Amino acid sequence: MATVVPPLSKKQKTAAAERARQQQELDSIPLDLGSVRVQLIDQTTGKNTGGTIAIPVADSQVVKLELLLNSLLGNDASDRVPYKFAFHRDSKETTESSHIDIPDDLYHTILKPGIKTTEDSIPLYYTPQAIFRVKAATRCSASISGHGAAILCTQFSPKSASRAASGSGDNNARIWDTDTGTPVHLMKGHSGHVLVVSWSPDGSLLATGSRDNTVRTWDPESGQQIGQPLRGHKSFIRSLAWMPYHLQVPGRPRLASASKDSTVRIWDCMSSRIDEVLTGHKDSVNSVLWGGTGNLYTASHDKTVKIWNDRGQCLHTLNGHAHWANHLALSTDSVLRTAYHDHTGKRPIDDAAKVAKAKERFEAAATINGQISERLVSASDDNTIYLWNPSATLKPIARLMGHQKAVNHVSFSPNGLLIASSSFENHVKLWSGVSGQFIHSLRAHVGPVYMAAFSPDSRMLVSCSKDTTCKLWSCDTGKMKFDLPGHKDQVFAVDYSPGDSVVISGGADKQIKIWRN
């Protein structure tokens, strides 16, 4: 016999009615406030869109602001783009954050707190949230065996969602066909665990870093090693970063590797030579990034983040963390990873056009108020995250606090508006990628979360955990959209395809799983 839920008591009904009344009062906007004047400004260019417009305060919701903006820009109903709105107040007027996101409406965010009144003209900066939409990955389309030990890293090719690479504790790397669910190439050569795999921005090369202290480059089409192993490090490889495509000398791709030996080395992949050695850290270098402006960023166990030029000179040291700096992410990571590849699938034919498109995509992603500005986020074992804008100041924009245990991984959304942080306290947190303000805690995992990856349209996030599951989240609501069970042991690595709705995951059960709609 089924259990019948007992009816609510009178006290419970009264409490529920009071909560509903308070919520209604909170959500409602007074109808007698008249109108407020707003000026819509493009966040990227800093230019005004139309003139100052008077809108009723009662109709100042973000949804209606989106409709207004799409009308001003001439977007048809079928081509409407979702936008995010923010207000920038003069930093001289307050010691608080000068950037205020508008999550719901102007009344509760700007007018009710007294930041502005209906007599003022309110400048609203807008940024497109996404110009396309991908479907949620809801099912496992393939479980592929092949590796003989735990899978430690995975990454999709920037060219297509049909190719992905993985590295394992069996000392091998593999390339997989995600369409058919079959292995394509087995790449042998390392004598230690393959800890990191990284595709070049144009997809023509694959680099692997191992516990055997070497980096190797491979031809993804044939699975053959290119040149000699890149030897020089005295301890295992922790991270790899390719030189951005628009900065490369044609035919001479360069690669940076970070090692536990406290150094970073820059390699000429075609000649297998060391170009530069970056020395300055006093302990293991855990993460290296190569920014679109040409600078390199490194995070180390010595608690510091350092900025270098590509000639090996240390430009700045960013201090603030009280424990190991574990991971870094750049607001332009997505466009640097994919170079001239985008969601349309249209690729330039000649090399000059490829470089021009890669540079155009980078500048579009990095430009704020008419200036190129790459934001950097660092995660640490001190349970905190720092958001930096190194091109403007060496002081952090914000210190992101809230995690109760070590933060293992951070990532920027492709549109640069969100930051996801994965922690050993069993959940993921979402933050504003501009101001560092807390947005959501994504709670459903019952074990430490190892990493998370955004969908290419920035609307969803996939995370992997020690609890043997991956989970897909909505970035808008902070709620879990789909649980992705199936692995038989902890899941160490997950990645979202750069231009499609395919997810790849791998873990201690030695299996690659492909998830799609």
Protein backbone atom coordinates (compact mmCIF):
# COMPACT_ATOMS: atom_id res chain seq x y z
CA MET A 1 0.00 0.00 0.00
CA ALA A 2 1.36 3.43 -0.94
CA THR A 3 2.21 5.86 1.81
CA VAL A 4 -0.21 8.77 1.98
CA VAL A 5 1.34 12.14 2.81
CA PRO A 6 -0.52 13.67 5.79
CA PRO A 7 -2.23 17.01 5.18
CA LEU A 8 -0.57 20.22 6.32
CA SER A 9 -1.42 21.40 9.80
CA LYS A 10 -3.00 24.80 10.38
CA LYS A 11 0.36 26.17 11.57
CA GLN A 12 2.12 24.91 8.42
CA LYS A 13 -0.56 26.39 6.17
CA THR A 14 -0.29 29.78 7.93
CA ALA A 15 3.52 29.75 7.59
CA ALA A 16 3.32 28.85 3.88
CA ALA A 17 0.81 31.63 3.25
CA GLU A 18 3.05 34.15 5.02
CA ARG A 19 6.08 33.09 2.95
CA ALA A 20 4.04 33.41 -0.24
CA ARG A 21 2.86 36.89 0.80
CA GLN A 22 6.40 38.06 1.60
CA GLN A 23 7.68 36.68 -1.72
CA GLN A 24 4.89 38.46 -3.59
CA GLU A 25 5.75 41.73 -1.85
CA LEU A 26 9.40 41.24 -2.72
CA ASP A 27 8.78 40.47 -6.38
CA SER A 28 6.16 43.14 -7.03
CA ILE A 29 7.07 46.58 -8.38
CA PRO A 30 4.99 49.58 -7.24
CA LEU A 31 2.81 50.92 -10.05
CA ASP A 32 2.92 54.58 -8.97
CA LEU A 33 6.61 55.32 -9.61
CA GLY A 34 6.14 56.67 -13.10
CA SER A 35 8.97 56.37 -15.62
CA VAL A 36 12.75 56.22 -15.52
CA ARG A 37 15.17 57.28 -18.27
CA VAL A 38 17.73 54.75 -19.48
CA GLN A 39 20.57 54.96 -21.98
CA LEU A 40 21.60 51.63 -23.52
CA ILE A 41 25.36 51.33 -24.15
CA ASP A 42 27.28 48.58 -25.93
CA GLN A 43 29.72 47.14 -23.36
CA THR A 44 32.22 46.18 -26.07
CA THR A 45 32.45 49.46 -27.99
CA GLY A 46 31.23 51.92 -25.37
CA LYS A 47 28.90 53.49 -27.96
CA ASN A 48 25.30 54.52 -27.24
CA THR A 49 22.47 52.57 -28.85
CA GLY A 50 19.74 55.04 -29.65
CA GLY A 51 18.96 57.99 -27.43
CA THR A 52 17.76 58.23 -23.84
CA ILE A 53 14.49 56.32 -23.50
CA ALA A 54 11.82 56.77 -20.82
CA ILE A 55 10.33 53.46 -19.72
CA PRO A 56 7.75 52.76 -16.98
CA VAL A 57 9.42 51.50 -13.78
CA ALA A 58 6.78 48.75 -13.66
CA ASP A 59 8.06 47.54 -17.04
CA SER A 60 11.78 47.66 -16.23
CA GLN A 61 12.28 43.89 -16.14
CA VAL A 62 15.27 42.42 -17.98
CA VAL A 63 12.97 40.48 -20.32
CA LYS A 64 11.31 43.71 -21.49
CA LEU A 65 14.66 45.50 -21.74
CA GLU A 66 15.79 42.68 -24.05
CA LEU A 67 12.73 43.18 -26.26
CA LEU A 68 13.41 46.91 -26.41
CA LEU A 69 17.07 46.45 -27.29
CA ASN A 70 16.38 43.85 -29.97
CA SER A 71 13.87 46.27 -31.52
CA LEU A 72 16.43 49.09 -31.52
CA LEU A 73 19.01 46.81 -33.15
CA GLY A 74 16.51 45.65 -35.77
CA ASN A 75 16.56 41.97 -34.78
CA ASP A 76 13.57 39.98 -36.00
CA ALA A 77 11.54 37.86 -33.60
CA SER A 78 13.27 34.73 -34.92
CA ASP A 79 16.74 36.29 -34.50
CA ARG A 80 16.36 37.77 -31.03
CA VAL A 81 19.50 37.62 -28.93
CA PRO A 82 19.48 37.34 -25.10
CA TYR A 83 21.35 40.17 -23.39
CA LYS A 84 22.85 40.76 -19.96
CA PHE A 85 22.53 44.27 -18.47
CA ALA A 86 24.74 46.00 -15.92
CA PHE A 87 25.09 49.42 -14.29
CA HIS A 88 28.50 51.03 -13.72
CA ARG A 89 28.64 53.61 -10.97
CA ASP A 90 31.50 56.00 -10.37
CA SER A 91 34.14 54.26 -8.25
CA LYS A 92 34.87 57.60 -6.55
CA GLU A 93 31.39 57.67 -5.06
CA THR A 94 31.66 54.36 -3.19
CA THR A 95 34.13 51.80 -1.90
CA GLU A 96 31.84 48.95 -3.03
CA SER A 97 31.95 47.24 -6.43
CA SER A 98 31.35 49.74 -9.24
CA HIS A 99 29.81 47.03 -11.46
CA ILE A 100 26.22 46.00 -10.68
CA ASP A 101 24.54 43.23 -12.66
CA ILE A 102 20.80 43.61 -13.30
CA PRO A 103 19.42 40.10 -12.61
CA ASP A 104 15.67 40.85 -12.62
CA ASP A 105 14.62 44.51 -12.92
CA LEU A 106 15.82 48.08 -12.33
CA TYR A 107 13.56 48.70 -9.35
CA HIS A 108 15.00 46.09 -6.97
CA THR A 109 18.59 46.53 -8.17
CA ILE A 110 19.00 50.30 -8.72
CA LEU A 111 15.99 52.31 -7.51
CA LYS A 112 14.95 50.62 -4.26
CA PRO A 113 18.52 50.55 -2.80
CA GLY A 114 18.78 54.29 -3.56
CA ILE A 115 21.66 54.02 -6.03
CA LYS A 116 19.65 56.10 -8.53
CA THR A 117 16.24 57.78 -8.53
CA THR A 118 13.56 58.19 -11.16
CA GLU A 119 14.90 61.74 -11.72
CA ASP A 120 18.23 60.39 -12.96
CA SER A 121 19.24 59.03 -16.33
CA ILE A 122 20.55 55.48 -15.85
CA PRO A 123 23.27 54.19 -18.22
CA LEU A 124 22.82 50.45 -18.84
CA TYR A 125 25.66 48.47 -20.41
CA TYR A 126 24.62 45.41 -22.38
CA THR A 127 26.47 42.32 -23.62
CA PRO A 128 25.04 39.45 -25.70
CA GLN A 129 24.82 36.24 -23.69
CA ALA A 130 24.97 33.99 -26.77
CA ILE A 131 24.26 34.21 -30.46
CA PHE A 132 23.38 30.53 -30.80
CA ARG A 133 21.99 27.75 -28.63
CA VAL A 134 23.14 24.17 -28.10
CA LYS A 135 21.00 21.29 -26.89
CA ALA A 136 21.56 19.71 -23.51
CA ALA A 137 23.50 16.44 -23.38
CA THR A 138 20.98 14.07 -21.83
CA ARG A 139 22.10 10.51 -22.61
CA CYS A 140 25.20 8.38 -22.95
CA SER A 141 25.62 7.58 -26.65
CA ALA A 142 28.81 5.52 -26.27
CA SER A 143 30.94 3.83 -23.61
CA ILE A 144 34.36 3.13 -25.10
CA SER A 145 36.99 0.84 -23.60
CA GLY A 146 40.64 0.89 -24.59
CA HIS A 147 42.72 2.43 -21.85
CA GLY A 148 44.30 0.05 -19.36
CA ALA A 149 44.26 2.43 -16.39
CA ALA A 150 42.40 5.46 -15.08
CA ILE A 151 41.71 8.24 -17.60
CA LEU A 152 43.24 11.45 -16.27
CA CYS A 153 42.49 14.06 -18.96
CA THR A 154 40.30 14.61 -22.01
CA GLN A 155 39.89 17.37 -24.59
CA PHE A 156 37.89 17.89 -27.78
CA SER A 157 39.54 18.97 -31.00
CA PRO A 158 38.87 22.64 -31.89
CA LYS A 159 38.05 21.53 -35.44
CA SER A 160 35.12 19.25 -34.73
CA ALA A 161 33.18 17.50 -32.00
CA SER A 162 33.83 14.21 -33.82
CA ARG A 163 37.42 14.00 -32.50
CA ALA A 164 38.62 13.99 -28.89
CA ALA A 165 41.83 12.98 -27.12
CA SER A 166 42.47 11.40 -23.74
CA GLY A 167 45.46 10.63 -21.54
CA SER A 168 45.70 7.77 -19.08
CA GLY A 169 47.67 6.13 -16.30
CA ASP A 170 48.55 3.35 -18.77
CA ASN A 171 51.19 5.75 -20.22
CA ASN A 172 49.25 6.12 -23.48
CA ALA A 173 47.17 8.79 -25.19
CA ARG A 174 44.30 8.00 -27.54
CA ILE A 175 42.22 9.81 -30.14
CA TRP A 176 38.54 8.84 -30.38
CA ASP A 177 35.83 9.16 -32.99
CA THR A 178 32.91 10.43 -30.92
CA ASP A 179 30.42 9.97 -33.78
CA THR A 180 30.92 6.22 -34.04
CA GLY A 181 32.20 5.63 -30.50
CA THR A 182 35.41 3.96 -31.69
CA PRO A 183 39.16 4.49 -31.09
CA VAL A 184 41.07 6.12 -33.96
CA HIS A 185 44.71 6.19 -32.83
CA LEU A 186 46.79 4.79 -29.97
CA MET A 187 49.79 6.99 -29.24
CA LYS A 188 52.57 5.12 -27.41
CA GLY A 189 55.90 6.52 -26.29
CA HIS A 190 55.58 7.90 -22.78
CA SER A 191 56.97 5.87 -19.89
CA GLY A 192 54.78 7.53 -17.24
CA HIS A 193 51.17 8.58 -16.71
CA VAL A 194 49.88 11.00 -19.36
CA LEU A 195 48.68 13.87 -17.19
CA VAL A 196 47.63 16.44 -19.79
CA VAL A 197 46.56 16.51 -23.45
CA SER A 198 46.25 19.71 -25.46
CA TRP A 199 45.19 20.34 -29.08
CA SER A 200 46.83 23.16 -31.00
CA PRO A 201 44.38 26.00 -31.85
CA ASP A 202 44.17 24.97 -35.51
CA GLY A 203 43.73 21.29 -34.61
CA SER A 204 46.76 20.16 -36.61
CA LEU A 205 48.84 19.02 -33.61
CA LEU A 206 48.25 17.28 -30.30
CA ALA A 207 50.62 17.70 -27.34
CA THR A 208 50.87 15.37 -24.35
CA GLY A 209 52.63 15.88 -21.03
CA SER A 210 53.65 13.01 -18.77
CA ARG A 211 55.10 11.89 -15.45
CA ASP A 212 58.19 10.82 -17.43
CA ASN A 213 59.18 14.55 -17.50
CA THR A 214 58.72 14.85 -21.28
CA VAL A 215 56.34 16.55 -23.69
CA ARG A 216 55.53 14.88 -27.00
CA THR A 217 53.74 16.25 -30.07
CA TRP A 218 51.66 14.08 -32.40
CA ASP A 219 49.97 14.24 -35.79
CA PRO A 220 46.24 13.66 -35.06
CA GLU A 221 45.62 12.42 -38.61
CA SER A 222 48.17 9.58 -38.49
CA GLY A 223 48.71 9.16 -34.74
CA GLN A 224 52.48 9.35 -35.30
CA GLN A 225 54.89 11.28 -33.09
CA ILE A 226 56.37 14.43 -34.61
CA GLY A 227 60.09 14.91 -34.03
CA GLN A 228 61.86 14.00 -30.83
CA PRO A 229 60.41 14.10 -27.32
CA LEU A 230 60.76 17.55 -25.77
CA ARG A 231 63.21 16.88 -22.94
CA GLY A 232 64.46 19.36 -20.36
CA HIS A 233 62.14 19.27 -17.38
CA LYS A 234 63.42 17.50 -14.25
CA SER A 235 59.98 16.54 -12.95
CA PHE A 236 56.56 15.70 -14.33
CA ILE A 237 54.46 17.99 -16.53
CA ARG A 238 51.47 19.71 -14.90
CA SER A 239 50.07 21.93 -17.67
CA LEU A 240 50.44 22.82 -21.37
CA ALA A 241 49.52 25.97 -23.30
CA TRP A 242 49.82 26.71 -27.03
CA MET A 243 50.82 30.09 -28.38
CA PRO A 244 47.63 31.81 -29.71
CA TYR A 245 47.17 31.20 -33.42
CA HIS A 246 47.07 34.90 -34.37
CA LEU A 247 50.50 35.44 -32.74
CA GLN A 248 52.28 32.44 -34.26
CA VAL A 249 54.96 32.70 -36.89
CA PRO A 250 53.57 30.70 -39.86
CA GLY A 251 54.80 27.13 -39.74
CA ARG A 252 56.37 27.55 -36.31
CA PRO A 253 53.90 26.65 -33.53
CA ARG A 254 55.20 27.19 -30.00
CA LEU A 255 54.16 25.43 -26.82
CA ALA A 256 54.62 26.25 -23.13
CA SER A 257 54.89 23.49 -20.51
CA ALA A 258 54.68 23.89 -16.73
CA SER A 259 56.37 21.37 -14.47
CA LYS A 260 56.72 20.31 -10.87
CA ASP A 261 60.40 21.31 -11.20
CA SER A 262 59.22 24.97 -10.70
CA THR A 263 60.00 26.04 -14.29
CA VAL A 264 58.07 26.76 -17.46
CA ARG A 265 59.66 26.00 -20.82
CA ILE A 266 58.71 27.38 -24.22
CA TRP A 267 59.31 24.96 -27.09
CA ASP A 268 59.63 25.26 -30.85
CA CYS A 269 57.59 22.18 -31.77
CA MET A 270 58.96 21.82 -35.30
CA SER A 271 62.63 21.73 -34.28
CA SER A 272 62.04 20.19 -30.81
CA ARG A 273 64.18 22.96 -29.30
CA ILE A 274 63.79 24.96 -26.11
CA ASP A 275 63.25 28.63 -26.95
CA GLU A 276 62.99 30.00 -23.42
CA VAL A 277 63.08 28.81 -19.81
CA LEU A 278 60.94 30.77 -17.35
CA THR A 279 62.53 30.57 -13.90
CA GLY A 280 61.34 32.48 -10.89
CA HIS A 281 58.83 30.28 -9.11
CA LYS A 282 60.08 28.58 -5.95
CA ASP A 283 57.84 25.53 -6.10
CA SER A 284 55.80 23.39 -8.51
CA VAL A 285 54.09 25.30 -11.34
CA ASN A 286 50.54 23.95 -11.52
CA SER A 287 49.03 25.91 -14.41
CA VAL A 288 50.23 27.90 -17.42
CA LEU A 289 48.17 30.00 -19.86
CA TRP A 290 49.25 31.87 -22.99
CA GLY A 291 47.13 35.00 -23.40
CA GLY A 292 46.05 36.65 -26.62
CA THR A 293 48.20 39.71 -25.95
CA GLY A 294 51.34 37.57 -25.90
CA ASN A 295 51.85 37.30 -22.14
CA LEU A 296 52.04 34.04 -20.24
CA TYR A 297 50.40 33.46 -16.84
CA THR A 298 51.56 30.87 -14.32
CA ALA A 299 50.27 29.66 -10.94
CA SER A 300 52.48 27.88 -8.45
CA HIS A 301 52.67 26.10 -5.12
CA ASP A 302 54.72 29.10 -3.95
CA LYS A 303 51.34 30.94 -3.59
CA THR A 304 52.02 33.40 -6.41
CA VAL A 305 50.72 34.08 -9.91
CA LYS A 306 53.33 35.45 -12.33
CA ILE A 307 53.02 37.24 -15.66
CA TRP A 308 55.75 36.73 -18.29
CA ASN A 309 56.48 37.86 -21.81
CA ASP A 310 57.35 35.28 -24.46
CA ARG A 311 61.06 36.09 -24.10
CA GLY A 312 61.13 34.61 -20.60
CA GLN A 313 61.10 37.87 -18.65
CA CYS A 314 58.91 38.05 -15.54
CA LEU A 315 56.83 41.22 -15.84
CA HIS A 316 54.74 41.07 -12.66
CA THR A 317 54.05 38.92 -9.63
CA LEU A 318 50.47 38.82 -8.32
CA ASN A 319 50.35 38.15 -4.58
CA GLY A 320 47.32 37.48 -2.44
CA HIS A 321 46.82 33.77 -1.98
CA ALA A 322 47.74 32.27 1.39
CA HIS A 323 48.21 28.74 0.08
CA TRP A 324 49.00 26.91 -3.17
CA ALA A 325 47.69 28.51 -6.36
CA ASN A 326 46.10 25.52 -8.11
CA HIS A 327 44.59 26.68 -11.37
CA LEU A 328 44.15 29.63 -13.73
CA ALA A 329 41.59 30.63 -16.36
CA LEU A 330 41.39 33.54 -18.82
CA SER A 331 38.22 35.27 -20.01
CA THR A 332 39.43 34.61 -23.58
CA ASP A 333 40.25 30.91 -23.14
CA SER A 334 37.44 29.75 -25.43
CA VAL A 335 38.37 31.86 -28.47
CA LEU A 336 42.10 31.21 -28.00
CA ARG A 337 41.46 27.48 -27.87
CA THR A 338 39.42 27.48 -31.09
CA ALA A 339 41.26 30.21 -33.09
CA TYR A 340 39.38 30.66 -36.40
CA HIS A 341 36.88 27.82 -35.75
CA ASP A 342 33.40 28.95 -34.69
CA HIS A 343 29.89 27.55 -34.35
CA THR A 344 29.03 28.26 -38.00
CA GLY A 345 31.57 25.73 -39.27
CA LYS A 346 32.79 28.18 -41.92
CA ARG A 347 36.59 28.27 -42.12
CA PRO A 348 38.84 30.62 -44.09
CA ILE A 349 40.74 29.07 -46.96
CA ASP A 350 44.14 30.79 -46.88
CA ASP A 351 46.49 31.25 -43.93
CA ALA A 352 46.25 35.05 -43.85
CA ALA A 353 42.46 34.90 -43.58
CA LYS A 354 42.73 32.30 -40.79
CA VAL A 355 45.05 34.56 -38.79
CA ALA A 356 42.80 37.57 -39.41
CA LYS A 357 39.71 35.69 -38.23
CA ALA A 358 41.48 34.34 -35.13
CA LYS A 359 42.63 37.85 -34.25
CA GLU A 360 39.16 39.30 -34.89
CA ARG A 361 37.52 36.71 -32.62
CA PHE A 362 40.06 37.37 -29.86
CA GLU A 363 39.63 41.14 -30.01
CA ALA A 364 35.84 40.83 -29.96
CA ALA A 365 36.00 38.62 -26.85
CA ALA A 366 38.60 40.75 -25.04
CA THR A 367 37.28 44.25 -25.80
CA ILE A 368 35.47 46.06 -22.97
CA ASN A 369 34.57 49.73 -23.34
CA GLY A 370 36.74 49.96 -26.43
CA GLN A 371 39.87 48.53 -24.75
CA ILE A 372 41.38 45.04 -24.97
CA SER A 373 41.36 43.57 -21.49
CA GLU A 374 41.93 39.91 -20.56
CA ARG A 375 40.61 39.01 -17.13
CA LEU A 376 42.36 36.30 -15.13
CA VAL A 377 40.99 34.14 -12.33
CA SER A 378 43.11 32.08 -9.92
CA ALA A 379 42.04 29.29 -7.56
CA SER A 380 43.83 28.23 -4.42
CA ASP A 381 44.04 25.75 -1.58
CA ASP A 382 43.26 28.70 0.74
CA ASN A 383 39.57 28.20 -0.28
CA THR A 384 39.48 31.51 -2.18
CA ILE A 385 39.52 32.73 -5.76
CA TYR A 386 40.95 36.01 -7.04
CA LEU A 387 39.72 37.88 -10.11
CA TRP A 388 42.39 40.01 -11.79
CA ASN A 389 42.64 42.48 -14.64
CA PRO A 390 46.44 42.56 -15.09
CA SER A 391 46.33 45.02 -18.00
CA ALA A 392 44.77 47.67 -15.73
CA THR A 393 46.05 47.01 -12.21
CA LEU A 394 48.09 44.50 -10.24
CA LYS A 395 45.52 44.55 -7.46
CA PRO A 396 42.69 42.02 -7.66
CA ILE A 397 39.28 43.17 -8.86
CA ALA A 398 37.63 40.94 -6.27
CA ARG A 399 38.31 38.21 -3.76
CA LEU A 400 35.73 35.47 -4.23
CA MET A 401 35.02 33.83 -0.89
CA GLY A 402 32.49 31.17 0.05
CA HIS A 403 34.14 27.82 -0.50
CA GLN A 404 34.90 25.87 2.66
CA LYS A 405 37.54 23.60 1.13
CA ALA A 406 40.30 23.81 -1.48
CA VAL A 407 39.29 25.10 -4.92
CA ASN A 408 40.68 22.69 -7.48
CA HIS A 409 39.57 24.14 -10.81
CA VAL A 410 38.18 27.38 -12.31
CA SER A 411 36.88 28.18 -15.77
CA PHE A 412 35.42 31.17 -17.64
CA SER A 413 32.30 30.83 -19.75
CA PRO A 414 32.89 31.38 -23.50
CA ASN A 415 31.19 34.80 -23.32
CA GLY A 416 33.40 35.79 -20.37
CA LEU A 417 30.45 36.70 -18.13
CA LEU A 418 30.56 33.74 -15.75
CA ILE A 419 33.17 31.92 -13.66
CA ALA A 420 32.68 28.36 -12.39
CA SER A 421 34.75 27.12 -9.46
CA SER A 422 34.97 23.43 -8.50
CA SER A 423 35.79 22.51 -4.95
CA PHE A 424 36.44 19.52 -2.72
CA GLU A 425 33.39 20.53 -0.67
CA ASN A 426 31.12 18.68 -3.16
CA HIS A 427 29.70 21.58 -5.13
CA VAL A 428 30.34 24.17 -7.82
CA LYS A 429 29.87 27.91 -7.45
CA LEU A 430 29.01 30.41 -10.18
CA TRP A 431 30.34 33.98 -10.04
CA SER A 432 30.12 37.06 -12.22
CA GLY A 433 33.06 37.10 -14.61
CA VAL A 434 33.09 40.92 -14.57
CA SER A 435 32.64 41.89 -10.92
CA GLY A 436 33.26 38.61 -9.09
CA GLN A 437 29.85 38.73 -7.41
CA PHE A 438 28.45 35.40 -6.21
CA ILE A 439 25.54 34.07 -8.29
CA HIS A 440 24.71 30.41 -7.50
CA SER A 441 25.85 27.35 -5.59
CA LEU A 442 25.29 24.23 -7.67
CA ARG A 443 24.54 21.49 -5.15
CA ALA A 444 23.82 17.86 -6.02
CA HIS A 445 27.17 16.06 -6.00
CA VAL A 446 27.94 13.94 -2.94
CA GLY A 447 31.69 13.85 -3.46
CA PRO A 448 34.50 16.28 -4.30
CA VAL A 449 34.07 18.00 -7.69
CA TYR A 450 37.21 17.77 -9.81
CA MET A 451 36.38 20.14 -12.69
CA ALA A 452 33.62 21.77 -14.71
CA ALA A 453 33.23 22.88 -18.34
CA PHE A 454 30.81 25.38 -19.93
CA SER A 455 28.72 24.69 -23.01
CA PRO A 456 29.74 26.79 -26.05
CA ASP A 457 26.64 29.00 -25.66
CA SER A 458 27.46 29.70 -21.97
CA ARG A 459 23.98 28.59 -20.89
CA MET A 460 24.96 25.24 -19.35
CA LEU A 461 27.75 23.74 -17.28
CA VAL A 462 28.85 20.12 -16.88
CA SER A 463 30.76 18.94 -13.80
CA CYS A 464 32.47 15.67 -12.83
CA SER A 465 32.99 14.26 -9.37
CA LYS A 466 34.37 11.57 -7.13
CA ASP A 467 30.74 10.43 -6.67
CA THR A 468 31.00 8.64 -10.11
CA THR A 469 28.58 11.03 -11.88
CA CYS A 470 28.60 13.99 -14.22
CA LYS A 471 25.87 16.57 -13.84
CA LEU A 472 24.53 19.16 -16.26
CA TRP A 473 23.44 22.51 -14.81
CA SER A 474 21.50 25.53 -15.98
CA CYS A 475 23.61 28.67 -15.52
CA ASP A 476 20.47 30.84 -15.42
CA THR A 477 18.71 29.09 -12.56
CA GLY A 478 21.60 27.30 -10.84
CA LYS A 479 19.51 24.11 -10.91
CA MET A 480 20.55 20.68 -12.17
CA LYS A 481 19.08 19.98 -15.61
CA PHE A 482 20.21 16.38 -15.98
CA ASP A 483 22.07 13.79 -13.95
CA LEU A 484 24.55 11.83 -16.11
CA PRO A 485 25.25 8.55 -14.28
CA GLY A 486 27.01 5.56 -15.78
CA HIS A 487 30.63 5.62 -14.68
CA LYS A 488 31.55 2.89 -12.20
CA ASP A 489 34.20 4.90 -10.38
CA GLN A 490 35.21 8.52 -9.82
CA VAL A 491 35.24 10.79 -12.89
CA PHE A 492 38.45 12.78 -13.23
CA ALA A 493 37.97 14.64 -16.53
CA VAL A 494 35.14 16.17 -18.55
CA ASP A 495 34.98 18.48 -21.56
CA TYR A 496 32.28 20.19 -23.64
CA SER A 497 32.83 20.30 -27.40
CA PRO A 498 33.64 23.90 -28.46
CA GLY A 499 30.89 24.23 -31.08
CA ASP A 500 28.41 21.46 -30.43
CA SER A 501 26.32 19.77 -27.73
CA VAL A 502 28.61 16.77 -27.12
CA VAL A 503 30.27 15.99 -23.77
CA ILE A 504 33.16 13.60 -23.11
CA SER A 505 34.11 12.20 -19.70
CA GLY A 506 36.66 9.73 -18.35
CA GLY A 507 37.72 8.43 -14.98
CA ALA A 508 38.99 5.60 -12.81
CA ASP A 509 36.77 2.99 -14.50
CA LYS A 510 39.05 3.24 -17.60
CA GLN A 511 36.11 4.09 -19.87
CA ILE A 512 35.44 7.07 -22.12
CA LYS A 513 31.79 8.07 -22.19
CA ILE A 514 30.22 10.26 -24.87
CA TRP A 515 27.09 12.21 -23.94
CA ARG A 516 24.78 13.93 -26.40
CA ASN A 517 21.18 15.03 -26.85
